[in-house]
């Protein structure tokens, strides 16, 4: 039995196991299994690997996309450039890190925007997922600014967001976990009153499918998109890496 899985903490929000179970059933893949491995600390990773010798690869989610890098033997050029890993391939005793978030995000964003011309993007959050988003935006030559609670990590803090800032950033991307299940009543603290029908709001969160962030955008008649297609596309990217 070939095993795959997801590590992170917590994992109650994750749809990955369901996605792969349906993939295996749909494609008639009988010798594979995908499980959730909720690790309260990365100190437990070696214990997991010892207990699961058939584990051929795993995805990585919050809060470990950056923390896991020192534990890996090698990185793909893209993962090294991004500075975050969401996919690990196990090659015997060797662990190699990759980033398929950038693939999933970029293809989803391009489909979402269509022919729209965007002046500048505002990226909410500066964690591991934000690293992949920044990389993709740079590939697309789309200028962006970062918003962080820590003034040393972003161009703006949330308190800095004025009408002028929102008006000059017609793409707003939430890379933070704010609003993710089970805290579905929460939303990033931005001035939604200044969002217009010309704005595009993209939330990397997919559980719930409509976050408060997206709901507030819809109330202002903005275009909205959740992270479900990004999840599917990065998952397929990981599957290709594990089975090449």
C-alpha atoms as a PDB file:
ATOM      1  CA  UNK A   1       0.000   0.000   0.000  1.00  0.00           C
ATOM      2  CA  UNK A   2       1.413   3.369  -1.055  1.00  0.00           C
ATOM      3  CA  UNK A   3       0.751   6.017   1.553  1.00  0.00           C
ATOM      4  CA  UNK A   4       0.571   9.777   1.258  1.00  0.00           C
ATOM      5  CA  UNK A   5      -0.685  12.424   3.640  1.00  0.00           C
ATOM      6  CA  UNK A   6      -0.759  15.918   5.050  1.00  0.00           C
ATOM      7  CA  UNK A   7       1.114  17.271   8.070  1.00  0.00           C
ATOM      8  CA  UNK A   8       0.166  20.429   9.936  1.00  0.00           C
ATOM      9  CA  UNK A   9      -1.618  21.624  13.042  1.00  0.00           C
ATOM     10  CA  UNK A  10      -4.567  21.811  13.351  1.00  0.00           C
ATOM     11  CA  UNK A  11      -6.070  19.903  10.426  1.00  0.00           C
ATOM     12  CA  UNK A  12      -9.789  20.055  11.141  1.00  0.00           C
ATOM     13  CA  UNK A  13     -10.261  22.431   8.208  1.00  0.00           C
ATOM     14  CA  UNK A  14      -8.523  20.250   5.616  1.00  0.00           C
ATOM     15  CA  UNK A  15     -10.254  18.848   2.540  1.00  0.00           C
ATOM     16  CA  UNK A  16      -7.149  17.085   1.240  1.00  0.00           C
ATOM     17  CA  UNK A  17      -7.980  13.560   2.440  1.00  0.00           C
ATOM     18  CA  UNK A  18     -11.462  13.794   0.916  1.00  0.00           C
ATOM     19  CA  UNK A  19     -10.040  15.076  -2.351  1.00  0.00           C
ATOM     20  CA  UNK A  20      -7.556  12.219  -2.669  1.00  0.00           C
ATOM     21  CA  UNK A  21     -10.068   9.579  -1.580  1.00  0.00           C
ATOM     22  CA  UNK A  22     -12.386  10.729  -4.371  1.00  0.00           C
ATOM     23  CA  UNK A  23      -9.481  10.863  -6.824  1.00  0.00           C
ATOM     24  CA  UNK A  24      -8.472   7.286  -5.999  1.00  0.00           C
ATOM     25  CA  UNK A  25     -12.069   6.078  -6.398  1.00  0.00           C
ATOM     26  CA  UNK A  26     -12.659   8.060  -9.605  1.00  0.00           C
ATOM     27  CA  UNK A  27      -9.444   6.880 -11.251  1.00  0.00           C
ATOM     28  CA  UNK A  28      -9.587   3.297  -9.985  1.00  0.00           C
ATOM     29  CA  UNK A  29      -6.413   3.619  -7.892  1.00  0.00           C
ATOM     30  CA  UNK A  30      -6.669   0.757  -5.401  1.00  0.00           C
ATOM     31  CA  UNK A  31      -3.212   0.597  -3.813  1.00  0.00           C
ATOM     32  CA  UNK A  32      -2.985   4.135  -2.377  1.00  0.00           C
ATOM     33  CA  UNK A  33      -4.120   5.854   0.788  1.00  0.00           C
ATOM     34  CA  UNK A  34      -3.973   9.487   1.918  1.00  0.00           C
ATOM     35  CA  UNK A  35      -4.199  10.379   5.634  1.00  0.00           C
ATOM     36  CA  UNK A  36      -4.097  13.451   7.828  1.00  0.00           C
ATOM     37  CA  UNK A  37      -1.181  13.550  10.279  1.00  0.00           C
ATOM     38  CA  UNK A  38      -1.842  16.243  12.841  1.00  0.00           C
ATOM     39  CA  UNK A  39       1.547  17.044  14.399  1.00  0.00           C
ATOM     40  CA  UNK A  40       1.554  19.444  17.371  1.00  0.00           C
ATOM     41  CA  UNK A  41       5.282  19.901  16.732  1.00  0.00           C
ATOM     42  CA  UNK A  42       7.694  19.109  13.900  1.00  0.00           C
ATOM     43  CA  UNK A  43       9.707  17.226  16.516  1.00  0.00           C
ATOM     44  CA  UNK A  44       7.197  14.429  15.816  1.00  0.00           C
ATOM     45  CA  UNK A  45       8.085  14.175  12.121  1.00  0.00           C
ATOM     46  CA  UNK A  46      10.864  11.595  12.499  1.00  0.00           C
ATOM     47  CA  UNK A  47       8.593   9.506  14.702  1.00  0.00           C
ATOM     48  CA  UNK A  48       5.929   9.626  11.978  1.00  0.00           C
ATOM     49  CA  UNK A  49       8.389   8.628   9.250  1.00  0.00           C
ATOM     50  CA  UNK A  50       9.628   5.692  11.336  1.00  0.00           C
ATOM     51  CA  UNK A  51       6.057   4.539  11.988  1.00  0.00           C
ATOM     52  CA  UNK A  52       5.016   4.860   8.327  1.00  0.00           C
ATOM     53  CA  UNK A  53       7.715   3.234   6.136  1.00  0.00           C
ATOM     54  CA  UNK A  54       5.274   3.160   3.193  1.00  0.00           C
ATOM     55  CA  UNK A  55       4.773   6.926   3.288  1.00  0.00           C
ATOM     56  CA  UNK A  56       6.056   8.055  -0.128  1.00  0.00           C
ATOM     57  CA  UNK A  57       5.282  11.744   0.216  1.00  0.00           C
ATOM     58  CA  UNK A  58       3.241  14.291   2.070  1.00  0.00           C
ATOM     59  CA  UNK A  59       1.808  17.763   1.835  1.00  0.00           C
ATOM     60  CA  UNK A  60       2.666  20.458   4.373  1.00  0.00           C
ATOM     61  CA  UNK A  61       0.259  23.087   5.659  1.00  0.00           C
ATOM     62  CA  UNK A  62       0.155  25.732   8.391  1.00  0.00           C
ATOM     63  CA  UNK A  63       2.179  26.371  10.438  1.00  0.00           C
ATOM     64  CA  UNK A  64       5.042  24.302   8.990  1.00  0.00           C
ATOM     65  CA  UNK A  65       5.594  25.459   5.390  1.00  0.00           C
ATOM     66  CA  UNK A  66       8.681  27.427   6.381  1.00  0.00           C
ATOM     67  CA  UNK A  67       9.625  25.582   9.575  1.00  0.00           C
ATOM     68  CA  UNK A  68      10.108  22.265   7.778  1.00  0.00           C
ATOM     69  CA  UNK A  69      12.894  23.486   5.479  1.00  0.00           C
ATOM     70  CA  UNK A  70      15.814  22.806   7.901  1.00  0.00           C
ATOM     71  CA  UNK A  71      14.585  19.209   8.266  1.00  0.00           C
ATOM     72  CA  UNK A  72      14.799  18.475   4.529  1.00  0.00           C
ATOM     73  CA  UNK A  73      17.757  17.070   2.620  1.00  0.00           C
ATOM     74  CA  UNK A  74      17.145  19.085  -0.534  1.00  0.00           C
ATOM     75  CA  UNK A  75      14.807  21.615  -2.135  1.00  0.00           C
ATOM     76  CA  UNK A  76      13.588  22.120  -5.674  1.00  0.00           C
ATOM     77  CA  UNK A  77      14.850  25.390  -7.189  1.00  0.00           C
ATOM     78  CA  UNK A  78      11.348  26.858  -6.947  1.00  0.00           C
ATOM     79  CA  UNK A  79      10.885  25.911  -3.289  1.00  0.00           C
ATOM     80  CA  UNK A  80      14.311  27.353  -2.513  1.00  0.00           C
ATOM     81  CA  UNK A  81      13.447  30.629  -4.248  1.00  0.00           C
ATOM     82  CA  UNK A  82      10.032  30.867  -2.560  1.00  0.00           C
ATOM     83  CA  UNK A  83      11.303  29.957   0.898  1.00  0.00           C
ATOM     84  CA  UNK A  84       8.337  27.702   1.669  1.00  0.00           C
ATOM     85  CA  UNK A  85       7.439  24.050   1.078  1.00  0.00           C
ATOM     86  CA  UNK A  86       4.007  22.472   0.762  1.00  0.00           C
ATOM     87  CA  UNK A  87       5.016  19.147  -0.775  1.00  0.00           C
ATOM     88  CA  UNK A  88       7.672  16.631   0.273  1.00  0.00           C
ATOM     89  CA  UNK A  89       8.811  13.606  -1.732  1.00  0.00           C
ATOM     90  CA  UNK A  90      10.402  10.762   0.212  1.00  0.00           C
ATOM     91  CA  UNK A  91      13.258   9.089  -1.616  1.00  0.00           C
ATOM     92  CA  UNK A  92      14.441   6.317   0.714  1.00  0.00           C
ATOM     93  CA  UNK A  93      15.821   8.194   3.704  1.00  0.00           C
ATOM     94  CA  UNK A  94      16.021  11.449   1.765  1.00  0.00           C
ATOM     95  CA  UNK A  95      13.342  14.162   1.972  1.00  0.00           C
ATOM     96  CA  UNK A  96      13.044  16.646  -0.896  1.00  0.00           C
ATOM     97  CA  UNK A  97      10.854  19.739  -0.626  1.00  0.00           C
ATOM     98  CA  UNK A  98       8.770  21.292  -3.406  1.00  0.00           C
ATOM     99  CA  UNK A  99       6.193  24.053  -3.712  1.00  0.00           C
ATOM    100  CA  UNK A 100       3.055  23.345  -5.742  1.00  0.00           C
ATOM    101  CA  UNK A 101       1.117  26.219  -4.126  1.00  0.00           C
ATOM    102  CA  UNK A 102       2.573  28.594  -6.708  1.00  0.00           C
ATOM    103  CA  UNK A 103       1.276  26.432  -9.556  1.00  0.00           C
ATOM    104  CA  UNK A 104      -2.160  26.095  -7.960  1.00  0.00           C
ATOM    105  CA  UNK A 105      -2.422  29.764  -7.098  1.00  0.00           C
ATOM    106  CA  UNK A 106      -1.211  31.183 -10.391  1.00  0.00           C
ATOM    107  CA  UNK A 107      -3.460  29.055 -12.602  1.00  0.00           C
ATOM    108  CA  UNK A 108      -6.474  29.757 -10.374  1.00  0.00           C
ATOM    109  CA  UNK A 109      -5.769  33.484 -10.284  1.00  0.00           C
ATOM    110  CA  UNK A 110      -5.307  33.751 -14.040  1.00  0.00           C
ATOM    111  CA  UNK A 111      -8.635  32.002 -14.595  1.00  0.00           C
ATOM    112  CA  UNK A 112     -10.330  34.234 -12.007  1.00  0.00           C
ATOM    113  CA  UNK A 113      -9.017  37.493 -13.460  1.00  0.00           C
ATOM    114  CA  UNK A 114      -9.600  36.594 -17.093  1.00  0.00           C
ATOM    115  CA  UNK A 115      -8.926  39.664 -19.213  1.00  0.00           C
ATOM    116  CA  UNK A 116      -9.152  42.080 -16.271  1.00  0.00           C
ATOM    117  CA  UNK A 117      -6.295  44.562 -16.008  1.00  0.00           C
ATOM    118  CA  UNK A 118      -5.103  44.879 -12.425  1.00  0.00           C
ATOM    119  CA  UNK A 119      -3.069  47.858 -11.284  1.00  0.00           C
ATOM    120  CA  UNK A 120      -1.656  46.419  -8.064  1.00  0.00           C
ATOM    121  CA  UNK A 121      -2.332  43.617  -5.585  1.00  0.00           C
ATOM    122  CA  UNK A 122      -2.617  43.764  -1.808  1.00  0.00           C
ATOM    123  CA  UNK A 123      -1.453  40.555  -0.111  1.00  0.00           C
ATOM    124  CA  UNK A 124      -2.863  40.001   3.380  1.00  0.00           C
ATOM    125  CA  UNK A 125      -0.412  37.976   5.459  1.00  0.00           C
ATOM    126  CA  UNK A 126       3.282  37.163   5.240  1.00  0.00           C
ATOM    127  CA  UNK A 127       3.455  33.448   6.112  1.00  0.00           C
ATOM    128  CA  UNK A 128       4.379  30.423   4.009  1.00  0.00           C
ATOM    129  CA  UNK A 129       1.357  30.649   1.710  1.00  0.00           C
ATOM    130  CA  UNK A 130       2.090  34.330   1.119  1.00  0.00           C
ATOM    131  CA  UNK A 131       5.584  33.418  -0.067  1.00  0.00           C
ATOM    132  CA  UNK A 132       4.156  31.353  -2.924  1.00  0.00           C
ATOM    133  CA  UNK A 133       1.657  34.095  -3.763  1.00  0.00           C
ATOM    134  CA  UNK A 134       4.421  36.686  -3.957  1.00  0.00           C
ATOM    135  CA  UNK A 135       6.448  34.410  -6.223  1.00  0.00           C
ATOM    136  CA  UNK A 136       3.492  33.892  -8.579  1.00  0.00           C
ATOM    137  CA  UNK A 137       2.662  37.613  -8.704  1.00  0.00           C
ATOM    138  CA  UNK A 138       6.273  38.384  -9.545  1.00  0.00           C
ATOM    139  CA  UNK A 139       6.148  35.786 -12.351  1.00  0.00           C
ATOM    140  CA  UNK A 140       3.023  37.528 -13.664  1.00  0.00           C
ATOM    141  CA  UNK A 141       4.750  40.918 -13.381  1.00  0.00           C
ATOM    142  CA  UNK A 142       1.876  42.119 -11.210  1.00  0.00           C
ATOM    143  CA  UNK A 143       3.053  44.669  -8.595  1.00  0.00           C
ATOM    144  CA  UNK A 144       2.004  43.996  -5.013  1.00  0.00           C
ATOM    145  CA  UNK A 145       2.249  45.231  -1.438  1.00  0.00           C
ATOM    146  CA  UNK A 146       2.179  43.186   1.758  1.00  0.00           C
ATOM    147  CA  UNK A 147      -0.037  43.717   4.788  1.00  0.00           C
ATOM    148  CA  UNK A 148       1.149  42.360   8.121  1.00  0.00           C
ATOM    149  CA  UNK A 149       0.350  42.790  11.782  1.00  0.00           C
ATOM    150  CA  UNK A 150       4.103  43.247  12.188  1.00  0.00           C
ATOM    151  CA  UNK A 151       5.193  46.593  10.663  1.00  0.00           C
ATOM    152  CA  UNK A 152       8.645  45.161   9.942  1.00  0.00           C
ATOM    153  CA  UNK A 153       7.288  42.402   7.698  1.00  0.00           C
ATOM    154  CA  UNK A 154       4.960  44.296   5.375  1.00  0.00           C
ATOM    155  CA  UNK A 155       4.475  47.507   3.446  1.00  0.00           C
ATOM    156  CA  UNK A 156       1.388  48.239   5.524  1.00  0.00           C
ATOM    157  CA  UNK A 157      -0.150  47.196   8.808  1.00  0.00           C
ATOM    158  CA  UNK A 158      -3.899  46.675   8.918  1.00  0.00           C
ATOM    159  CA  UNK A 159      -4.252  50.031  10.675  1.00  0.00           C
ATOM    160  CA  UNK A 160      -2.547  51.701   7.703  1.00  0.00           C
ATOM    161  CA  UNK A 161      -5.216  50.650   5.206  1.00  0.00           C
ATOM    162  CA  UNK A 162      -7.029  53.776   4.062  1.00  0.00           C
ATOM    163  CA  UNK A 163      -9.478  54.500   1.270  1.00  0.00           C
ATOM    164  CA  UNK A 164      -6.537  55.536  -0.905  1.00  0.00           C
ATOM    165  CA  UNK A 165      -4.720  52.241  -0.329  1.00  0.00           C
ATOM    166  CA  UNK A 166      -7.779  50.148  -1.182  1.00  0.00           C
ATOM    167  CA  UNK A 167      -8.506  52.316  -4.226  1.00  0.00           C
ATOM    168  CA  UNK A 168      -5.021  51.708  -5.630  1.00  0.00           C
ATOM    169  CA  UNK A 169      -5.079  47.918  -5.136  1.00  0.00           C
ATOM    170  CA  UNK A 170      -7.870  46.295  -7.133  1.00  0.00           C
ATOM    171  CA  UNK A 171      -6.761  42.759  -6.303  1.00  0.00           C
ATOM    172  CA  UNK A 172      -6.849  41.790  -2.613  1.00  0.00           C
ATOM    173  CA  UNK A 173      -5.562  38.338  -1.670  1.00  0.00           C
ATOM    174  CA  UNK A 174      -6.047  36.793   1.755  1.00  0.00           C
ATOM    175  CA  UNK A 175      -3.207  34.371   2.514  1.00  0.00           C
ATOM    176  CA  UNK A 176      -3.800  34.385   6.272  1.00  0.00           C
ATOM    177  CA  UNK A 177      -5.856  31.724   8.127  1.00  0.00           C
ATOM    178  CA  UNK A 178      -8.277  34.378   9.420  1.00  0.00           C
ATOM    179  CA  UNK A 179     -11.818  33.181   8.706  1.00  0.00           C
ATOM    180  CA  UNK A 180     -10.897  29.509   8.320  1.00  0.00           C
ATOM    181  CA  UNK A 181     -13.016  26.794   9.925  1.00  0.00           C
ATOM    182  CA  UNK A 182     -13.892  26.679  12.785  1.00  0.00           C
ATOM    183  CA  UNK A 183     -13.549  30.461  13.264  1.00  0.00           C
ATOM    184  CA  UNK A 184     -15.761  31.220  10.304  1.00  0.00           C
ATOM    185  CA  UNK A 185     -17.165  34.446  11.753  1.00  0.00           C
ATOM    186  CA  UNK A 186     -13.783  36.178  11.518  1.00  0.00           C
ATOM    187  CA  UNK A 187     -12.403  38.213   8.610  1.00  0.00           C
ATOM    188  CA  UNK A 188      -9.200  40.149   7.909  1.00  0.00           C
ATOM    189  CA  UNK A 189      -9.461  43.639   9.337  1.00  0.00           C
ATOM    190  CA  UNK A 190      -9.558  45.749   6.196  1.00  0.00           C
ATOM    191  CA  UNK A 191     -11.885  48.694   5.400  1.00  0.00           C
ATOM    192  CA  UNK A 192     -14.462  46.832   3.305  1.00  0.00           C
ATOM    193  CA  UNK A 193     -16.499  50.018   2.888  1.00  0.00           C
ATOM    194  CA  UNK A 194     -13.964  51.121   0.264  1.00  0.00           C
ATOM    195  CA  UNK A 195     -14.201  47.916  -1.799  1.00  0.00           C
ATOM    196  CA  UNK A 196     -15.957  48.485  -5.145  1.00  0.00           C
ATOM    197  CA  UNK A 197     -17.370  46.406  -8.038  1.00  0.00           C
ATOM    198  CA  UNK A 198     -13.977  46.899  -9.724  1.00  0.00           C
ATOM    199  CA  UNK A 199     -12.194  44.940  -6.996  1.00  0.00           C
ATOM    200  CA  UNK A 200     -11.208  41.261  -7.106  1.00  0.00           C
ATOM    201  CA  UNK A 201     -11.010  39.415  -3.765  1.00  0.00           C
ATOM    202  CA  UNK A 202      -9.208  36.066  -3.706  1.00  0.00           C
ATOM    203  CA  UNK A 203      -9.179  33.983  -0.515  1.00  0.00           C
ATOM    204  CA  UNK A 204      -6.794  31.035  -0.246  1.00  0.00           C
ATOM    205  CA  UNK A 205      -9.176  29.549   2.335  1.00  0.00           C
ATOM    206  CA  UNK A 206     -11.624  26.944   1.000  1.00  0.00           C
ATOM    207  CA  UNK A 207     -13.316  25.877   4.256  1.00  0.00           C
ATOM    208  CA  UNK A 208     -15.808  27.493   4.453  1.00  0.00           C
ATOM    209  CA  UNK A 209     -16.269  27.920   0.722  1.00  0.00           C
ATOM    210  CA  UNK A 210     -17.550  31.447   1.300  1.00  0.00           C
ATOM    211  CA  UNK A 211     -15.571  33.180   4.017  1.00  0.00           C
ATOM    212  CA  UNK A 212     -16.605  36.406   5.697  1.00  0.00           C
ATOM    213  CA  UNK A 213     -13.874  38.094   3.645  1.00  0.00           C
ATOM    214  CA  UNK A 214     -15.578  36.983   0.429  1.00  0.00           C
ATOM    215  CA  UNK A 215     -19.049  37.682   1.778  1.00  0.00           C
ATOM    216  CA  UNK A 216     -18.093  41.256   2.605  1.00  0.00           C
ATOM    217  CA  UNK A 217     -16.661  41.575  -0.906  1.00  0.00           C
ATOM    218  CA  UNK A 218     -19.872  40.288  -2.473  1.00  0.00           C
ATOM    219  CA  UNK A 219     -21.859  42.801  -0.440  1.00  0.00           C
ATOM    220  CA  UNK A 220     -19.801  45.497  -2.161  1.00  0.00           C
ATOM    221  CA  UNK A 221     -20.421  43.759  -5.539  1.00  0.00           C
ATOM    222  CA  UNK A 222     -16.747  42.830  -5.914  1.00  0.00           C
ATOM    223  CA  UNK A 223     -15.587  39.757  -7.840  1.00  0.00           C
ATOM    224  CA  UNK A 224     -14.725  36.913  -5.444  1.00  0.00           C
ATOM    225  CA  UNK A 225     -12.920  33.565  -5.560  1.00  0.00           C
ATOM    226  CA  UNK A 226     -12.059  30.994  -2.886  1.00  0.00           C
ATOM    227  CA  UNK A 227      -9.096  28.625  -2.686  1.00  0.00           C
ATOM    228  CA  UNK A 228     -10.820  25.396  -3.730  1.00  0.00           C
ATOM    229  CA  UNK A 229      -9.466  25.294  -7.292  1.00  0.00           C
ATOM    230  CA  UNK A 230      -6.036  26.213  -5.946  1.00  0.00           C
ATOM    231  CA  UNK A 231      -6.262  23.217  -3.576  1.00  0.00           C
ATOM    232  CA  UNK A 232      -7.199  20.853  -6.399  1.00  0.00           C
ATOM    233  CA  UNK A 233      -4.438  22.092  -8.695  1.00  0.00           C
ATOM    234  CA  UNK A 234      -1.672  22.059  -6.104  1.00  0.00           C
ATOM    235  CA  UNK A 235      -2.805  18.558  -5.065  1.00  0.00           C
ATOM    236  CA  UNK A 236      -2.469  17.317  -8.643  1.00  0.00           C
ATOM    237  CA  UNK A 237       0.950  18.952  -8.805  1.00  0.00           C
ATOM    238  CA  UNK A 238       1.992  17.071  -5.660  1.00  0.00           C
ATOM    239  CA  UNK A 239       0.630  13.791  -7.029  1.00  0.00           C
ATOM    240  CA  UNK A 240       2.742  14.205 -10.156  1.00  0.00           C
ATOM    241  CA  UNK A 241       5.867  14.824  -8.042  1.00  0.00           C
ATOM    242  CA  UNK A 242       5.259  11.779  -5.834  1.00  0.00           C
ATOM    243  CA  UNK A 243       4.693   9.461  -8.783  1.00  0.00           C
ATOM    244  CA  UNK A 244       7.157  10.544 -11.418  1.00  0.00           C
END
